[in-house]
Amino acid sequence: MAFKVLIPYNFTLNDEKSLEFVGQRYNHEEEIEITLFHAYPNLPEIDVKQDPIMEKMTSNVSYLLMQQEEHRQALETAREKLVSYGFKSGDTYCLFQPVKSDVATDIIQLCK
């Protein structure tokens, strides 16, 4: 049975330190699965209908969607960093998903 590690990831300096710790501490393990997990807030879908205020909100949501994509790519870069420590690419995963209830509950459900 594989040893499993879940790393909640929020793109902070401490998260980078966590990657480094896992990379140095567990890279010798033969059967290990590592999952990087980031939960982001759901963004609203906006119905514009020729309303200038709603159009402005749409541009704000577009900016947030762009930020989400940057975070998704950064999470993949973090996964690649784990692979560079010697972990198998097929045993390192990224979960980038919207918050379902709250982050803590989502992590608990993921662990179950």
N, C-alpha and C. Protein backbone atom coordinates (compact mmCIF):
# COMPACT_ATOMS: atom_id res chain seq x y z
N MET A 1 0.83 -1.18 0.00
CA MET A 1 0.00 0.00 0.00
C MET A 1 0.88 1.24 0.00
N ALA A 2 0.53 2.18 -0.83
CA ALA A 2 1.33 3.39 -0.98
C ALA A 2 1.14 4.33 0.22
N PHE A 3 2.21 4.97 0.60
CA PHE A 3 2.22 6.03 1.60
C PHE A 3 1.66 7.27 0.91
N LYS A 4 0.66 7.95 1.52
CA LYS A 4 0.02 9.08 0.86
C LYS A 4 0.27 10.36 1.64
N VAL A 5 0.59 11.43 0.89
CA VAL A 5 0.83 12.74 1.48
C VAL A 5 -0.09 13.74 0.79
N LEU A 6 -0.81 14.52 1.59
CA LEU A 6 -1.67 15.58 1.08
C LEU A 6 -1.07 16.90 1.51
N ILE A 7 -0.82 17.77 0.55
CA ILE A 7 -0.24 19.09 0.83
C ILE A 7 -1.24 20.16 0.42
N PRO A 8 -1.93 20.78 1.40
CA PRO A 8 -2.75 21.94 1.05
C PRO A 8 -1.83 23.06 0.56
N TYR A 9 -2.18 23.69 -0.53
CA TYR A 9 -1.26 24.64 -1.16
C TYR A 9 -1.98 25.95 -1.47
N ASN A 10 -1.43 27.07 -0.95
CA ASN A 10 -2.04 28.38 -1.15
C ASN A 10 -1.05 29.40 -1.69
N PHE A 11 0.06 28.93 -2.26
CA PHE A 11 1.01 29.79 -2.97
C PHE A 11 1.72 30.77 -2.04
N THR A 12 2.07 30.31 -0.84
CA THR A 12 2.80 31.15 0.12
C THR A 12 4.22 30.62 0.28
N LEU A 13 5.03 31.39 0.98
CA LEU A 13 6.40 30.96 1.28
C LEU A 13 6.38 29.68 2.12
N ASN A 14 5.45 29.58 3.06
CA ASN A 14 5.36 28.37 3.87
C ASN A 14 5.00 27.15 3.03
N ASP A 15 4.19 27.34 2.01
CA ASP A 15 3.86 26.23 1.11
C ASP A 15 5.10 25.77 0.35
N GLU A 16 5.93 26.70 -0.06
CA GLU A 16 7.20 26.36 -0.72
C GLU A 16 8.10 25.57 0.24
N LYS A 17 8.12 25.97 1.50
CA LYS A 17 8.90 25.24 2.50
C LYS A 17 8.36 23.83 2.70
N SER A 18 7.04 23.69 2.63
CA SER A 18 6.43 22.36 2.75
C SER A 18 6.87 21.46 1.61
N LEU A 19 6.89 22.01 0.39
CA LEU A 19 7.36 21.23 -0.76
C LEU A 19 8.80 20.78 -0.56
N GLU A 20 9.61 21.71 -0.10
CA GLU A 20 11.02 21.39 0.13
C GLU A 20 11.17 20.31 1.19
N PHE A 21 10.41 20.42 2.28
CA PHE A 21 10.46 19.41 3.33
C PHE A 21 10.05 18.04 2.81
N VAL A 22 8.92 17.98 2.13
CA VAL A 22 8.44 16.70 1.58
C VAL A 22 9.46 16.16 0.59
N GLY A 23 9.99 17.03 -0.26
CA GLY A 23 10.97 16.60 -1.25
C GLY A 23 12.21 16.01 -0.63
N GLN A 24 12.70 16.61 0.44
CA GLN A 24 13.92 16.12 1.09
C GLN A 24 13.64 14.93 2.01
N ARG A 25 12.49 14.93 2.66
CA ARG A 25 12.20 13.90 3.66
C ARG A 25 11.71 12.59 3.05
N TYR A 26 10.91 12.66 1.99
CA TYR A 26 10.25 11.46 1.49
C TYR A 26 10.70 11.00 0.11
N ASN A 27 11.69 11.65 -0.49
CA ASN A 27 12.05 11.29 -1.86
C ASN A 27 12.64 9.89 -1.98
N HIS A 28 13.03 9.29 -0.89
CA HIS A 28 13.58 7.93 -0.93
C HIS A 28 12.50 6.85 -0.84
N GLU A 29 11.27 7.25 -0.52
CA GLU A 29 10.18 6.27 -0.38
C GLU A 29 9.85 5.67 -1.75
N GLU A 30 9.72 4.36 -1.79
CA GLU A 30 9.41 3.68 -3.05
C GLU A 30 7.95 3.84 -3.45
N GLU A 31 7.04 3.62 -2.51
CA GLU A 31 5.61 3.69 -2.81
C GLU A 31 5.02 4.87 -2.08
N ILE A 32 4.95 5.99 -2.76
CA ILE A 32 4.41 7.21 -2.17
C ILE A 32 3.59 7.96 -3.22
N GLU A 33 2.45 8.45 -2.78
CA GLU A 33 1.60 9.30 -3.63
C GLU A 33 1.50 10.65 -2.95
N ILE A 34 1.70 11.70 -3.72
CA ILE A 34 1.63 13.06 -3.19
C ILE A 34 0.57 13.83 -3.97
N THR A 35 -0.31 14.47 -3.21
CA THR A 35 -1.36 15.28 -3.82
C THR A 35 -1.24 16.71 -3.32
N LEU A 36 -1.12 17.63 -4.25
CA LEU A 36 -1.17 19.06 -3.94
C LEU A 36 -2.63 19.49 -4.08
N PHE A 37 -3.14 20.19 -3.09
CA PHE A 37 -4.56 20.53 -3.06
C PHE A 37 -4.74 22.02 -2.89
N HIS A 38 -5.53 22.62 -3.77
CA HIS A 38 -5.90 24.03 -3.63
C HIS A 38 -7.39 24.16 -3.91
N ALA A 39 -8.10 24.78 -2.97
CA ALA A 39 -9.53 25.04 -3.16
C ALA A 39 -9.71 26.55 -3.32
N TYR A 40 -10.41 26.93 -4.36
CA TYR A 40 -10.62 28.34 -4.64
C TYR A 40 -12.11 28.67 -4.53
N PRO A 41 -12.43 29.93 -4.24
CA PRO A 41 -13.85 30.29 -4.12
C PRO A 41 -14.55 30.25 -5.48
N ASN A 42 -15.80 29.85 -5.45
CA ASN A 42 -16.61 29.86 -6.68
C ASN A 42 -16.82 31.29 -7.13
N LEU A 43 -16.74 31.50 -8.41
CA LEU A 43 -17.01 32.82 -8.97
C LEU A 43 -18.43 32.83 -9.54
N PRO A 44 -19.12 33.95 -9.36
CA PRO A 44 -20.51 34.00 -9.86
C PRO A 44 -20.56 34.10 -11.37
N GLU A 45 -21.62 33.56 -11.92
CA GLU A 45 -21.90 33.78 -13.34
C GLU A 45 -22.78 35.02 -13.40
N ILE A 46 -22.40 35.95 -14.27
CA ILE A 46 -23.09 37.24 -14.30
C ILE A 46 -23.84 37.38 -15.62
N ASP A 47 -25.10 37.75 -15.49
CA ASP A 47 -25.93 38.03 -16.66
C ASP A 47 -25.89 39.54 -16.90
N VAL A 48 -25.25 39.97 -17.95
CA VAL A 48 -25.00 41.39 -18.19
C VAL A 48 -26.27 42.14 -18.59
N LYS A 49 -26.94 41.74 -19.63
CA LYS A 49 -28.17 42.37 -20.13
C LYS A 49 -28.06 43.89 -20.25
N GLN A 50 -27.05 44.37 -20.92
CA GLN A 50 -26.87 45.78 -21.23
C GLN A 50 -26.84 46.69 -20.01
N ASP A 51 -26.38 46.19 -18.89
CA ASP A 51 -26.28 47.01 -17.68
C ASP A 51 -24.81 47.37 -17.47
N PRO A 52 -24.45 48.65 -17.49
CA PRO A 52 -23.04 49.06 -17.39
C PRO A 52 -22.37 48.61 -16.09
N ILE A 53 -23.12 48.59 -15.00
CA ILE A 53 -22.54 48.16 -13.73
C ILE A 53 -22.22 46.67 -13.79
N MET A 54 -23.12 45.89 -14.34
CA MET A 54 -22.89 44.45 -14.45
C MET A 54 -21.75 44.17 -15.43
N GLU A 55 -21.61 44.99 -16.47
CA GLU A 55 -20.49 44.82 -17.40
C GLU A 55 -19.17 45.03 -16.68
N LYS A 56 -19.14 46.01 -15.76
CA LYS A 56 -17.93 46.26 -14.99
C LYS A 56 -17.62 45.06 -14.09
N MET A 57 -18.65 44.49 -13.50
CA MET A 57 -18.45 43.30 -12.67
C MET A 57 -17.92 42.14 -13.50
N THR A 58 -18.38 42.05 -14.74
CA THR A 58 -17.91 40.99 -15.63
C THR A 58 -16.41 41.10 -15.84
N SER A 59 -15.92 42.33 -16.01
CA SER A 59 -14.48 42.49 -16.20
C SER A 59 -13.72 42.10 -14.93
N ASN A 60 -14.30 42.38 -13.75
CA ASN A 60 -13.67 41.96 -12.50
C ASN A 60 -13.63 40.44 -12.38
N VAL A 61 -14.72 39.80 -12.75
CA VAL A 61 -14.77 38.34 -12.71
C VAL A 61 -13.78 37.77 -13.71
N SER A 62 -13.65 38.40 -14.88
CA SER A 62 -12.68 37.94 -15.88
C SER A 62 -11.27 38.00 -15.31
N TYR A 63 -10.97 39.05 -14.58
CA TYR A 63 -9.66 39.17 -13.94
C TYR A 63 -9.45 38.04 -12.94
N LEU A 64 -10.47 37.74 -12.14
CA LEU A 64 -10.36 36.66 -11.16
C LEU A 64 -10.20 35.30 -11.84
N LEU A 65 -10.88 35.11 -12.96
CA LEU A 65 -10.70 33.87 -13.72
C LEU A 65 -9.27 33.74 -14.24
N MET A 66 -8.70 34.85 -14.66
CA MET A 66 -7.32 34.84 -15.12
C MET A 66 -6.38 34.48 -13.95
N GLN A 67 -6.66 35.04 -12.78
CA GLN A 67 -5.86 34.71 -11.59
C GLN A 67 -5.98 33.24 -11.25
N GLN A 68 -7.17 32.68 -11.35
CA GLN A 68 -7.36 31.26 -11.09
C GLN A 68 -6.51 30.42 -12.03
N GLU A 69 -6.49 30.79 -13.29
CA GLU A 69 -5.68 30.05 -14.26
C GLU A 69 -4.20 30.15 -13.92
N GLU A 70 -3.74 31.31 -13.48
CA GLU A 70 -2.35 31.46 -13.06
C GLU A 70 -2.05 30.57 -11.86
N HIS A 71 -2.99 30.48 -10.92
CA HIS A 71 -2.80 29.61 -9.76
C HIS A 71 -2.78 28.14 -10.18
N ARG A 72 -3.66 27.78 -11.11
CA ARG A 72 -3.67 26.38 -11.59
C ARG A 72 -2.31 26.03 -12.20
N GLN A 73 -1.76 26.95 -12.99
CA GLN A 73 -0.46 26.71 -13.60
C GLN A 73 0.64 26.66 -12.54
N ALA A 74 0.54 27.52 -11.53
CA ALA A 74 1.53 27.53 -10.45
C ALA A 74 1.47 26.24 -9.65
N LEU A 75 0.27 25.67 -9.49
CA LEU A 75 0.14 24.40 -8.79
C LEU A 75 0.82 23.29 -9.59
N GLU A 76 0.65 23.32 -10.90
CA GLU A 76 1.32 22.34 -11.76
C GLU A 76 2.84 22.51 -11.69
N THR A 77 3.31 23.73 -11.61
CA THR A 77 4.75 23.99 -11.46
C THR A 77 5.25 23.42 -10.14
N ALA A 78 4.45 23.55 -9.08
CA ALA A 78 4.82 22.97 -7.79
C ALA A 78 4.90 21.44 -7.89
N ARG A 79 3.97 20.85 -8.63
CA ARG A 79 4.01 19.39 -8.83
C ARG A 79 5.29 19.00 -9.57
N GLU A 80 5.65 19.77 -10.57
CA GLU A 80 6.88 19.49 -11.31
C GLU A 80 8.11 19.60 -10.40
N LYS A 81 8.05 20.50 -9.44
CA LYS A 81 9.13 20.63 -8.47
C LYS A 81 9.28 19.35 -7.65
N LEU A 82 8.15 18.76 -7.28
CA LEU A 82 8.21 17.48 -6.55
C LEU A 82 8.82 16.39 -7.42
N VAL A 83 8.47 16.38 -8.69
CA VAL A 83 9.04 15.40 -9.61
C VAL A 83 10.55 15.60 -9.71
N SER A 84 11.00 16.85 -9.67
CA SER A 84 12.44 17.12 -9.74
C SER A 84 13.18 16.60 -8.51
N TYR A 85 12.46 16.41 -7.40
CA TYR A 85 13.07 15.80 -6.21
C TYR A 85 13.24 14.29 -6.36
N GLY A 86 12.61 13.72 -7.38
CA GLY A 86 12.76 12.30 -7.63
C GLY A 86 11.48 11.50 -7.50
N PHE A 87 10.37 12.17 -7.20
CA PHE A 87 9.10 11.45 -7.12
C PHE A 87 8.63 11.12 -8.53
N LYS A 88 7.93 10.01 -8.66
CA LYS A 88 7.41 9.60 -9.96
C LYS A 88 6.30 10.55 -10.40
N SER A 89 6.35 10.92 -11.66
CA SER A 89 5.35 11.84 -12.21
C SER A 89 3.94 11.27 -12.07
N GLY A 90 3.80 9.97 -12.25
CA GLY A 90 2.49 9.33 -12.16
C GLY A 90 1.98 9.19 -10.75
N ASP A 91 2.80 9.49 -9.75
CA ASP A 91 2.39 9.41 -8.35
C ASP A 91 2.28 10.77 -7.68
N THR A 92 2.36 11.84 -8.46
CA THR A 92 2.16 13.18 -7.93
C THR A 92 0.96 13.79 -8.64
N TYR A 93 0.07 14.36 -7.86
CA TYR A 93 -1.20 14.84 -8.40
C TYR A 93 -1.48 16.27 -7.96
N CYS A 94 -2.29 16.96 -8.75
CA CYS A 94 -2.78 18.29 -8.41
C CYS A 94 -4.30 18.23 -8.35
N LEU A 95 -4.87 18.73 -7.28
CA LEU A 95 -6.31 18.91 -7.18
C LEU A 95 -6.57 20.39 -7.06
N PHE A 96 -7.14 20.96 -8.06
CA PHE A 96 -7.45 22.38 -8.12
C PHE A 96 -8.94 22.47 -8.32
N GLN A 97 -9.67 22.74 -7.24
CA GLN A 97 -11.12 22.66 -7.32
C GLN A 97 -11.79 23.75 -6.50
N PRO A 98 -13.04 24.06 -6.84
CA PRO A 98 -13.76 25.07 -6.08
C PRO A 98 -14.10 24.55 -4.68
N VAL A 99 -14.22 25.47 -3.75
CA VAL A 99 -14.62 25.12 -2.38
C VAL A 99 -16.04 24.56 -2.45
N LYS A 100 -16.24 23.40 -1.81
CA LYS A 100 -17.57 22.80 -1.80
C LYS A 100 -18.37 23.22 -0.58
N SER A 101 -17.76 23.13 0.61
CA SER A 101 -18.44 23.61 1.82
C SER A 101 -17.54 24.63 2.50
N ASP A 102 -16.42 24.20 3.01
CA ASP A 102 -15.35 25.09 3.46
C ASP A 102 -14.05 24.31 3.30
N VAL A 103 -12.93 25.00 3.28
CA VAL A 103 -11.66 24.35 2.93
C VAL A 103 -11.33 23.21 3.89
N ALA A 104 -11.50 23.43 5.20
CA ALA A 104 -11.18 22.39 6.17
C ALA A 104 -12.02 21.13 5.95
N THR A 105 -13.31 21.30 5.74
CA THR A 105 -14.19 20.16 5.49
C THR A 105 -13.82 19.48 4.18
N ASP A 106 -13.48 20.25 3.17
CA ASP A 106 -13.08 19.68 1.89
C ASP A 106 -11.82 18.83 2.04
N ILE A 107 -10.88 19.29 2.85
CA ILE A 107 -9.65 18.51 3.09
C ILE A 107 -9.98 17.22 3.82
N ILE A 108 -10.84 17.28 4.82
CA ILE A 108 -11.24 16.08 5.56
C ILE A 108 -11.91 15.09 4.63
N GLN A 109 -12.83 15.56 3.78
CA GLN A 109 -13.51 14.68 2.84
C GLN A 109 -12.52 14.06 1.85
N LEU A 110 -11.55 14.83 1.44
CA LEU A 110 -10.54 14.32 0.51
C LEU A 110 -9.73 13.20 1.17
N CYS A 111 -9.40 13.38 2.44
CA CYS A 111 -8.63 12.37 3.16
C CYS A 111 -9.41 11.08 3.34
N LYS A 112 -10.71 11.21 3.51
CA LYS A 112 -11.54 10.00 3.68
C LYS A 112 -11.59 9.23 2.38
